[in-house]
Amino acid sequence: MKFPVLSSCVVYRSLKSIGCNIFLFFCLLASSILVSCKKDHIEPDDTSYKKEKTIFVYMPWTGSKQNLYDYFKNNIEDIKKGIVEQGGLKNTNLLVFIAKSKDKSHLIRIGYQKGACYNDTLTVYPDGAMNTPHKLAALLDKVTEVAPAPLYSMIIGCHGVGWIYSESVSPAMRRRISTALDKNQAMGLPITRQSRYLGGTDIQMDIDDLANGIKRSKVQHLQFLLFDDCNMANIETAYELNRATDYIIACPTEIMGHGMPYSDMWKYLAPTQPDYKNAIESFHRFYSNYSIGSLPYHFGTISVTDCRKIDEMIGVLETIHNKYTLGTDVGSELQILDGYVPSVFFDFSDYIHRLCANDTELIKRFDATLLQLVPYERHTEAYFSALENAGDHYIKSCCGLTISASSTNNMVSRSKYRSNFYALFQ
């Protein structure tokens, strides 16, 4: 932009006999050109877009052991990278609830301005997790107050163990799981987001309480609920949440402590209409090449469940149950998708195919319904567990959802009486 300045100087020298007014005119002209060029390079901020959607990231306190706080901070930074890459938040609000201790958490708005993200702390809470329906509803009401939008989606980052109820785990089982996790970590194995229920070692939340909290809040219903946790893609959880969200994005097995690759996935999750297929593909690409230090850990399973199709699947399962009884043992070759002893989570499709082994028409009906219920699924050749049966395990069947119907684990038998899903098949 040197040209306008030099030209004004030449004008001054050649026309000085006419007077200063013309010189001032050209100086002002040159200045206006410089200012207009500078404005052309100012980057837009997120306030210049109409907000059509709010994404709320919930990262509660995950306990004194296997704590995920440092991973959560990395996740937030990855989200920010994704925001910067796409040039801002555009038509999406982003709020984060994150806890560093059992009795302190922050509600933060993440904004974008001049090519960078910034944090705006809105509220400090004397609570590390809103783990009751009442407290969660109040938190979500706050989200709607400070970030109103026609659509709401939610990301939950913590430990998880599917639909299992916290009260169902005996003290002896807790000690066994804790001992196994400590032993494996001492051996140098990485941690996963697997602990107990939804939450961590100190604070837990059951899935029906989560559903009730969402439905009682002003949010009422989510566009999608992404579980950045272990073992949350199962038919039992999908049934419990089908009135609270349209879609569930989750892992049928454990997920590495790193969690979701948000810098890759964000551009597919943030739009008013998410691109679920490419979100799943980006997860698969990331974990197909994931390593910790120099060691490859190519383990990752993920799926998208369309909860609006749950009723159709329940109709199929009622027919299957009336003929073959859900919960029947189908043999030792059934695909296991966890590291518990006894196993808790089995591949949903493999179980039904074995249960209805000679019923071609019923299997065909199930498969067609499953294709509608789980439109997208990706998995690596093996999954990893940090639990009692630690290490990598080959996958021969993974449809994107698990079922626990035939499990002999006490956690399952003690949880079934409270499950709305299993109440359908009594």
Protein backbone atom coordinates (compact mmCIF):
# COMPACT_ATOMS: atom_id res chain seq x y z
CA MET A 1 0.00 0.00 0.00
CA LYS A 2 2.96 2.43 -0.51
CA PHE A 3 1.65 3.70 -3.82
CA PRO A 4 -0.98 6.19 -2.52
CA VAL A 5 1.52 7.77 -0.10
CA LEU A 6 4.18 8.31 -2.80
CA SER A 7 1.66 9.73 -5.25
CA SER A 8 0.43 12.30 -2.73
CA CYS A 9 3.99 13.50 -2.19
CA VAL A 10 4.51 13.94 -5.94
CA VAL A 11 1.27 15.91 -6.16
CA TYR A 12 2.44 18.17 -3.35
CA ARG A 13 5.70 18.99 -5.10
CA SER A 14 4.20 19.68 -8.53
CA LEU A 15 1.21 21.73 -7.39
CA LYS A 16 2.56 23.65 -4.41
CA SER A 17 2.02 26.94 -6.22
CA ILE A 18 -1.75 26.37 -6.23
CA GLY A 19 -1.82 26.09 -2.45
CA CYS A 20 -2.23 23.70 0.42
CA ASN A 21 -5.88 22.84 -0.11
CA ILE A 22 -5.24 20.53 -3.04
CA PHE A 23 -2.39 18.87 -1.15
CA LEU A 24 -4.65 18.21 1.82
CA PHE A 25 -7.28 16.80 -0.51
CA PHE A 26 -4.88 14.21 -1.90
CA CYS A 27 -3.57 13.33 1.54
CA LEU A 28 -7.07 12.64 2.74
CA LEU A 29 -7.75 10.59 -0.38
CA ALA A 30 -4.62 8.49 0.22
CA SER A 31 -5.57 7.98 3.87
CA SER A 32 -9.07 6.82 2.95
CA ILE A 33 -7.60 4.26 0.54
CA LEU A 34 -5.33 2.92 3.28
CA VAL A 35 -8.18 2.66 5.79
CA SER A 36 -10.47 0.91 3.34
CA CYS A 37 -7.74 -1.63 2.51
CA LYS A 38 -7.22 -2.35 6.20
CA LYS A 39 -10.93 -2.96 6.79
CA ASP A 40 -11.04 -5.42 3.92
CA HIS A 41 -8.70 -7.70 5.94
CA ILE A 42 -10.58 -7.65 9.24
CA GLU A 43 -11.83 -11.17 9.95
CA PRO A 44 -15.47 -11.66 11.00
CA ASP A 45 -16.35 -12.63 14.56
CA ASP A 46 -19.09 -14.99 15.67
CA THR A 47 -21.47 -12.15 16.56
CA SER A 48 -21.99 -11.44 12.86
CA TYR A 49 -23.99 -14.66 12.38
CA LYS A 50 -27.51 -15.53 13.39
CA LYS A 51 -27.34 -18.31 15.98
CA GLU A 52 -29.46 -21.26 14.95
CA LYS A 53 -27.97 -23.89 17.26
CA THR A 54 -26.31 -24.24 20.66
CA ILE A 55 -23.86 -27.05 21.44
CA PHE A 56 -23.38 -27.66 25.16
CA VAL A 57 -20.29 -29.59 26.28
CA TYR A 58 -20.69 -31.23 29.71
CA MET A 59 -17.42 -32.32 31.37
CA PRO A 60 -18.07 -33.12 35.05
CA TRP A 61 -15.66 -34.15 37.77
CA THR A 62 -14.49 -37.68 36.96
CA GLY A 63 -12.98 -38.68 40.29
CA SER A 64 -9.66 -38.83 42.08
CA LYS A 65 -8.66 -41.95 40.12
CA GLN A 66 -8.56 -42.21 36.31
CA ASN A 67 -9.28 -38.48 36.20
CA LEU A 68 -9.92 -37.05 32.75
CA TYR A 69 -9.51 -33.31 33.42
CA ASP A 70 -6.29 -32.93 31.42
CA TYR A 71 -7.89 -34.81 28.52
CA PHE A 72 -10.88 -32.47 28.75
CA LYS A 73 -8.63 -29.43 28.42
CA ASN A 74 -7.06 -30.96 25.33
CA ASN A 75 -10.54 -31.70 23.95
CA ILE A 76 -11.52 -28.05 24.34
CA GLU A 77 -8.35 -26.93 22.58
CA ASP A 78 -9.12 -29.36 19.75
CA ILE A 79 -12.63 -27.91 19.44
CA LYS A 80 -11.10 -24.44 19.21
CA LYS A 81 -8.80 -25.63 16.42
CA GLY A 82 -11.83 -26.86 14.55
CA ILE A 83 -13.56 -23.50 15.05
CA VAL A 84 -10.56 -21.53 13.80
CA GLU A 85 -10.18 -23.86 10.82
CA GLN A 86 -13.72 -23.11 9.66
CA GLY A 87 -13.37 -19.38 10.30
CA GLY A 88 -15.53 -19.02 13.40
CA LEU A 89 -18.58 -20.42 15.13
CA LYS A 90 -20.88 -18.98 12.45
CA ASN A 91 -24.49 -19.89 13.33
CA THR A 92 -23.61 -21.99 16.42
CA ASN A 93 -23.25 -21.09 20.11
CA LEU A 94 -20.77 -23.10 22.19
CA LEU A 95 -20.96 -23.45 25.98
CA VAL A 96 -18.78 -25.70 28.17
CA PHE A 97 -19.34 -26.95 31.71
CA ILE A 98 -16.05 -28.24 33.14
CA ALA A 99 -15.06 -29.30 36.67
CA LYS A 100 -11.57 -29.56 38.08
CA SER A 101 -12.72 -30.78 41.51
CA LYS A 102 -15.71 -32.39 43.17
CA ASP A 103 -17.01 -29.09 44.48
CA LYS A 104 -16.13 -26.53 41.81
CA SER A 105 -17.03 -26.12 38.15
CA HIS A 106 -17.30 -23.37 35.55
CA LEU A 107 -19.80 -22.61 32.83
CA ILE A 108 -17.87 -21.02 29.97
CA ARG A 109 -18.94 -19.47 26.70
CA ILE A 110 -16.40 -19.98 23.91
CA GLY A 111 -16.40 -17.18 21.37
CA TYR A 112 -14.46 -16.27 18.26
CA GLN A 113 -13.02 -12.94 17.22
CA LYS A 114 -10.23 -11.79 14.90
CA GLY A 115 -9.12 -15.29 14.02
CA ALA A 116 -8.94 -16.72 17.55
CA CYS A 117 -11.17 -18.29 20.18
CA TYR A 118 -11.63 -16.83 23.65
CA ASN A 119 -13.22 -18.00 26.93
CA ASP A 120 -15.91 -16.06 28.76
CA THR A 121 -16.68 -17.50 32.21
CA LEU A 122 -20.39 -17.05 32.88
CA THR A 123 -20.94 -18.87 36.19
CA VAL A 124 -18.89 -20.62 38.87
CA TYR A 125 -20.71 -23.46 40.64
CA PRO A 126 -19.87 -25.05 44.03
CA ASP A 127 -20.62 -28.44 42.47
CA GLY A 128 -18.49 -30.67 40.29
CA ALA A 129 -21.37 -32.46 38.58
CA MET A 130 -25.04 -31.78 38.06
CA ASN A 131 -25.82 -35.44 38.71
CA THR A 132 -29.52 -35.29 39.54
CA PRO A 133 -32.41 -34.54 37.16
CA HIS A 134 -33.19 -31.34 39.06
CA LYS A 135 -29.63 -30.01 38.98
CA LEU A 136 -29.10 -30.97 35.34
CA ALA A 137 -32.38 -29.32 34.34
CA ALA A 138 -31.33 -26.12 36.13
CA LEU A 139 -27.97 -26.17 34.34
CA LEU A 140 -29.63 -26.68 30.96
CA ASP A 141 -32.08 -23.87 31.72
CA LYS A 142 -29.07 -21.62 32.27
CA VAL A 143 -27.74 -22.73 28.88
CA THR A 144 -31.00 -21.73 27.19
CA GLU A 145 -30.92 -18.38 29.00
CA VAL A 146 -27.42 -17.33 27.92
CA ALA A 147 -27.35 -19.08 24.53
CA PRO A 148 -30.89 -19.27 23.13
CA ALA A 149 -31.36 -21.09 19.83
CA PRO A 150 -33.98 -23.20 18.02
CA LEU A 151 -31.73 -26.30 18.22
CA TYR A 152 -29.69 -27.77 21.08
CA SER A 153 -27.09 -30.53 21.01
CA MET A 154 -25.03 -31.93 23.88
CA ILE A 155 -21.60 -33.52 24.22
CA ILE A 156 -20.87 -35.47 27.40
CA GLY A 157 -17.26 -36.19 28.30
CA CYS A 158 -16.65 -38.51 31.26
CA HIS A 159 -16.34 -42.18 32.17
CA GLY A 160 -19.16 -44.48 31.20
CA VAL A 161 -20.47 -48.01 31.47
CA GLY A 162 -23.58 -47.93 29.36
CA TRP A 163 -27.02 -48.43 30.85
CA ILE A 164 -25.75 -50.11 34.05
CA TYR A 165 -27.12 -48.53 37.26
CA SER A 166 -24.68 -47.22 39.85
CA GLU A 167 -26.40 -49.00 42.73
CA SER A 168 -26.03 -52.36 40.99
CA VAL A 169 -22.26 -52.55 41.49
CA SER A 170 -21.30 -54.26 44.72
CA PRO A 171 -18.34 -53.08 46.82
CA ALA A 172 -16.47 -56.25 45.82
CA MET A 173 -17.01 -55.51 42.12
CA ARG A 174 -15.88 -51.91 42.62
CA ARG A 175 -12.66 -53.13 44.24
CA ARG A 176 -12.04 -55.63 41.45
CA ILE A 177 -12.49 -53.02 38.73
CA SER A 178 -10.37 -50.46 40.58
CA THR A 179 -7.59 -53.01 41.18
CA ALA A 180 -7.58 -54.03 37.52
CA LEU A 181 -7.42 -50.42 36.33
CA ASP A 182 -4.58 -49.59 38.73
CA LYS A 183 -2.63 -52.72 37.78
CA ASN A 184 -2.96 -52.11 34.06
CA GLN A 185 -1.98 -48.47 34.37
CA ALA A 186 1.07 -49.48 36.43
CA MET A 187 2.02 -51.85 33.62
CA GLY A 188 2.06 -48.91 31.23
CA LEU A 189 -1.27 -49.54 29.51
CA PRO A 190 -3.17 -46.37 28.58
CA ILE A 191 -6.40 -45.43 30.31
CA THR A 192 -9.75 -45.42 28.60
CA ARG A 193 -12.88 -43.49 29.51
CA GLN A 194 -14.16 -46.52 31.35
CA SER A 195 -14.98 -46.44 35.01
CA ARG A 196 -18.57 -46.74 36.18
CA TYR A 197 -21.97 -45.59 34.93
CA LEU A 198 -21.96 -42.04 33.63
CA GLY A 199 -19.47 -39.86 35.52
CA GLY A 200 -16.51 -41.20 37.46
CA THR A 201 -15.34 -42.83 40.66
CA ASP A 202 -16.77 -40.15 42.99
CA ILE A 203 -19.91 -38.89 41.24
CA GLN A 204 -22.21 -40.88 38.97
CA MET A 205 -25.42 -40.31 37.05
CA ASP A 206 -27.80 -42.97 35.79
CA ILE A 207 -29.12 -42.79 32.24
CA ASP A 208 -32.77 -42.40 33.20
CA ASP A 209 -31.80 -39.42 35.39
CA LEU A 210 -29.97 -37.92 32.42
CA ALA A 211 -33.04 -38.37 30.24
CA ASN A 212 -35.32 -36.87 32.88
CA GLY A 213 -33.01 -33.88 33.37
CA ILE A 214 -33.06 -33.10 29.65
CA LYS A 215 -36.83 -33.49 29.30
CA ARG A 216 -37.58 -31.39 32.43
CA SER A 217 -35.40 -28.53 31.22
CA LYS A 218 -36.31 -25.80 28.76
CA VAL A 219 -34.13 -27.64 26.23
CA GLN A 220 -36.62 -30.54 26.38
CA HIS A 221 -35.16 -32.36 23.38
CA LEU A 222 -31.74 -32.56 21.71
CA GLN A 223 -30.75 -32.74 18.09
CA PHE A 224 -27.92 -35.08 19.02
CA LEU A 225 -26.26 -36.37 22.17
CA LEU A 226 -22.61 -37.32 21.74
CA PHE A 227 -21.13 -39.55 24.45
CA ASP A 228 -17.36 -39.12 24.66
CA ASP A 229 -17.35 -42.10 27.02
CA CYS A 230 -16.98 -45.88 26.96
CA ASN A 231 -19.70 -48.41 26.11
CA MET A 232 -22.54 -45.93 25.61
CA ALA A 233 -23.75 -47.26 22.24
CA ASN A 234 -26.19 -49.93 23.34
CA ILE A 235 -29.84 -50.66 22.69
CA GLU A 236 -30.74 -50.23 26.36
CA THR A 237 -29.33 -46.67 26.51
CA ALA A 238 -30.85 -45.74 23.14
CA TYR A 239 -34.29 -46.83 24.37
CA GLU A 240 -33.93 -44.85 27.60
CA LEU A 241 -32.98 -41.68 25.71
CA ASN A 242 -35.23 -41.97 22.65
CA ARG A 243 -37.63 -39.29 23.95
CA ALA A 244 -34.77 -36.93 24.84
CA THR A 245 -32.71 -36.82 21.63
CA ASP A 246 -33.03 -37.53 17.91
CA TYR A 247 -29.54 -39.00 17.53
CA ILE A 248 -26.91 -40.61 19.73
CA ILE A 249 -23.26 -40.64 18.70
CA ALA A 250 -21.33 -43.09 20.87
CA CYS A 251 -18.88 -45.98 21.14
CA PRO A 252 -20.00 -49.59 21.66
CA THR A 253 -16.59 -50.41 23.21
CA GLU A 254 -14.14 -48.45 25.33
CA ILE A 255 -12.64 -45.28 23.91
CA MET A 256 -9.07 -44.19 24.56
CA GLY A 257 -8.51 -41.46 27.16
CA HIS A 258 -7.85 -39.00 24.34
CA GLY A 259 -11.53 -39.08 23.46
CA MET A 260 -13.13 -37.81 20.28
CA PRO A 261 -10.88 -36.12 17.68
CA TYR A 262 -12.77 -32.84 17.80
CA SER A 263 -10.42 -30.84 15.59
CA ASP A 264 -11.40 -33.24 12.78
CA MET A 265 -15.04 -33.82 13.75
CA TRP A 266 -16.12 -30.29 14.66
CA LYS A 267 -16.86 -29.08 11.13
CA TYR A 268 -19.28 -31.98 10.71
CA LEU A 269 -21.01 -31.60 14.09
CA ALA A 270 -21.39 -27.82 14.27
CA PRO A 271 -23.65 -27.04 11.27
CA THR A 272 -27.39 -26.69 11.70
CA GLN A 273 -27.69 -30.03 9.90
CA PRO A 274 -24.76 -32.21 11.05
CA ASP A 275 -22.94 -34.45 8.60
CA TYR A 276 -23.06 -37.60 10.71
CA LYS A 277 -21.51 -39.83 8.08
CA ASN A 278 -18.35 -37.76 7.73
CA ALA A 279 -18.13 -37.21 11.49
CA ILE A 280 -17.96 -40.99 11.88
CA GLU A 281 -15.46 -41.33 9.05
CA SER A 282 -13.16 -38.72 10.59
CA PHE A 283 -13.23 -40.63 13.91
CA HIS A 284 -12.31 -43.84 12.12
CA ARG A 285 -9.45 -42.22 10.20
CA PHE A 286 -8.06 -40.74 13.40
CA TYR A 287 -8.08 -43.98 15.40
CA SER A 288 -6.88 -46.06 12.47
CA ASN A 289 -3.64 -44.07 12.80
CA TYR A 290 -3.62 -43.27 16.52
CA SER A 291 -0.49 -43.83 18.60
CA ILE A 292 0.73 -43.06 22.10
CA GLY A 293 4.38 -42.15 21.82
CA SER A 294 5.85 -44.65 19.40
CA LEU A 295 3.29 -47.36 20.15
CA PRO A 296 0.32 -47.80 17.80
CA TYR A 297 -3.12 -48.00 19.41
CA HIS A 298 -5.34 -48.43 16.37
CA PHE A 299 -8.52 -49.04 18.33
CA GLY A 300 -11.82 -47.24 17.89
CA THR A 301 -15.51 -48.06 17.44
CA ILE A 302 -18.31 -45.56 16.88
CA SER A 303 -21.87 -45.36 15.60
CA VAL A 304 -24.80 -43.03 15.04
CA THR A 305 -28.18 -44.19 16.35
CA ASP A 306 -31.37 -42.61 15.03
CA CYS A 307 -33.52 -42.73 18.16
CA ARG A 308 -36.61 -41.89 16.11
CA LYS A 309 -36.45 -45.48 14.83
CA ILE A 310 -36.44 -47.09 18.28
CA ASP A 311 -40.15 -47.90 18.28
CA GLU A 312 -39.81 -49.94 15.07
CA MET A 313 -36.94 -51.92 16.59
CA ILE A 314 -38.89 -52.54 19.79
CA GLY A 315 -41.69 -54.00 17.69
CA VAL A 316 -39.24 -56.43 16.07
CA LEU A 317 -37.69 -57.35 19.43
CA GLU A 318 -41.12 -58.08 20.94
CA THR A 319 -41.75 -60.57 18.13
CA ILE A 320 -38.32 -62.12 18.68
CA HIS A 321 -38.86 -62.32 22.44
CA ASN A 322 -42.22 -64.02 22.07
CA LYS A 323 -40.64 -66.72 19.90
CA TYR A 324 -37.12 -67.10 21.33
CA THR A 325 -36.91 -65.14 24.63
CA LEU A 326 -34.40 -62.30 24.98
CA GLY A 327 -31.76 -63.30 27.51
CA THR A 328 -31.36 -66.85 26.26
CA ASP A 329 -27.75 -68.04 26.19
CA VAL A 330 -26.58 -68.35 22.57
CA GLY A 331 -23.15 -69.90 23.16
CA SER A 332 -19.58 -68.92 23.85
CA GLU A 333 -18.82 -67.70 20.32
CA LEU A 334 -20.95 -64.58 20.76
CA GLN A 335 -19.01 -61.37 20.00
CA ILE A 336 -17.88 -59.72 23.24
CA LEU A 337 -17.23 -55.97 23.14
CA ASP A 338 -15.81 -55.21 26.59
CA GLY A 339 -13.15 -56.22 29.14
CA TYR A 340 -15.39 -57.19 32.05
CA VAL A 341 -15.40 -60.62 33.67
CA PRO A 342 -18.06 -61.93 33.16
CA SER A 343 -18.72 -59.91 30.01
CA VAL A 344 -21.44 -57.25 30.00
CA PHE A 345 -21.69 -55.96 26.41
CA PHE A 346 -22.25 -58.15 23.34
CA ASP A 347 -22.73 -57.16 19.72
CA PHE A 348 -26.46 -56.58 19.21
CA SER A 349 -26.64 -58.02 15.70
CA ASP A 350 -24.54 -61.09 16.48
CA TYR A 351 -26.74 -61.88 19.48
CA ILE A 352 -30.02 -61.63 17.57
CA HIS A 353 -28.66 -63.62 14.61
CA ARG A 354 -27.62 -66.44 16.94
CA LEU A 355 -30.89 -66.28 18.89
CA CYS A 356 -32.96 -66.52 15.69
CA ALA A 357 -30.46 -68.71 13.85
CA ASN A 358 -32.97 -70.65 11.72
CA ASP A 359 -35.57 -67.92 11.24
CA THR A 360 -34.57 -66.33 7.94
CA GLU A 361 -37.56 -64.02 7.65
CA LEU A 362 -37.27 -62.67 11.18
CA ILE A 363 -33.53 -62.07 10.78
CA LYS A 364 -34.21 -60.25 7.51
CA ARG A 365 -36.76 -58.02 9.28
CA PHE A 366 -34.33 -57.33 12.10
CA ASP A 367 -31.49 -56.45 9.71
CA ALA A 368 -33.65 -54.02 7.75
CA THR A 369 -34.80 -52.29 10.94
CA LEU A 370 -31.25 -52.15 12.32
CA LEU A 371 -30.08 -50.44 9.13
CA GLN A 372 -32.58 -47.66 9.81
CA LEU A 373 -31.77 -47.49 13.52
CA VAL A 374 -27.98 -47.36 13.00
CA PRO A 375 -27.39 -45.55 9.70
CA TYR A 376 -23.63 -45.10 10.29
CA GLU A 377 -21.04 -47.31 12.00
CA ARG A 378 -17.27 -47.68 11.77
CA HIS A 379 -14.79 -49.82 13.68
CA THR A 380 -11.15 -50.79 13.57
CA GLU A 381 -10.05 -54.43 13.37
CA ALA A 382 -9.79 -54.68 17.15
CA TYR A 383 -10.89 -52.86 20.29
CA PHE A 384 -8.86 -52.12 23.41
CA SER A 385 -9.84 -52.61 27.06
CA ALA A 386 -8.18 -51.27 30.19
CA LEU A 387 -10.33 -53.44 32.47
CA GLU A 388 -10.00 -56.95 33.89
CA ASN A 389 -9.56 -58.61 30.49
CA ALA A 390 -7.11 -55.94 29.36
CA GLY A 391 -5.50 -55.55 25.97
CA ASP A 392 -6.61 -55.71 22.37
CA HIS A 393 -9.42 -57.96 21.16
CA TYR A 394 -10.23 -58.89 17.55
CA ILE A 395 -13.64 -57.84 16.22
CA LYS A 396 -15.52 -60.22 13.97
CA SER A 397 -18.90 -58.53 14.37
CA CYS A 398 -19.75 -54.93 15.32
CA CYS A 399 -23.05 -53.42 14.20
CA GLY A 400 -22.66 -50.22 16.25
CA LEU A 401 -24.84 -51.21 19.23
CA THR A 402 -24.45 -53.72 22.04
CA ILE A 403 -26.96 -55.63 24.17
CA SER A 404 -26.52 -57.16 27.63
CA ALA A 405 -29.53 -59.48 27.64
CA SER A 406 -27.61 -62.73 28.07
CA SER A 407 -24.88 -61.45 30.41
CA THR A 408 -24.36 -63.30 33.70
CA ASN A 409 -22.50 -60.39 35.27
CA ASN A 410 -24.05 -59.30 38.59
CA MET A 411 -24.05 -55.67 37.41
CA VAL A 412 -26.50 -56.67 34.68
CA SER A 413 -28.76 -58.89 36.76
CA ARG A 414 -28.99 -56.22 39.47
CA SER A 415 -29.76 -53.49 36.91
CA LYS A 416 -32.42 -55.23 34.85
CA TYR A 417 -35.21 -54.73 37.37
CA ARG A 418 -34.84 -50.93 37.02
CA SER A 419 -34.42 -50.88 33.25
CA ASN A 420 -37.33 -49.56 31.19
CA PHE A 421 -35.98 -51.54 28.25
CA TYR A 422 -36.04 -54.90 30.02
CA ALA A 423 -39.44 -54.13 31.53
CA LEU A 424 -40.82 -54.56 28.01
CA PHE A 425 -39.79 -58.21 27.90
CA GLN A 426 -40.85 -59.57 31.26
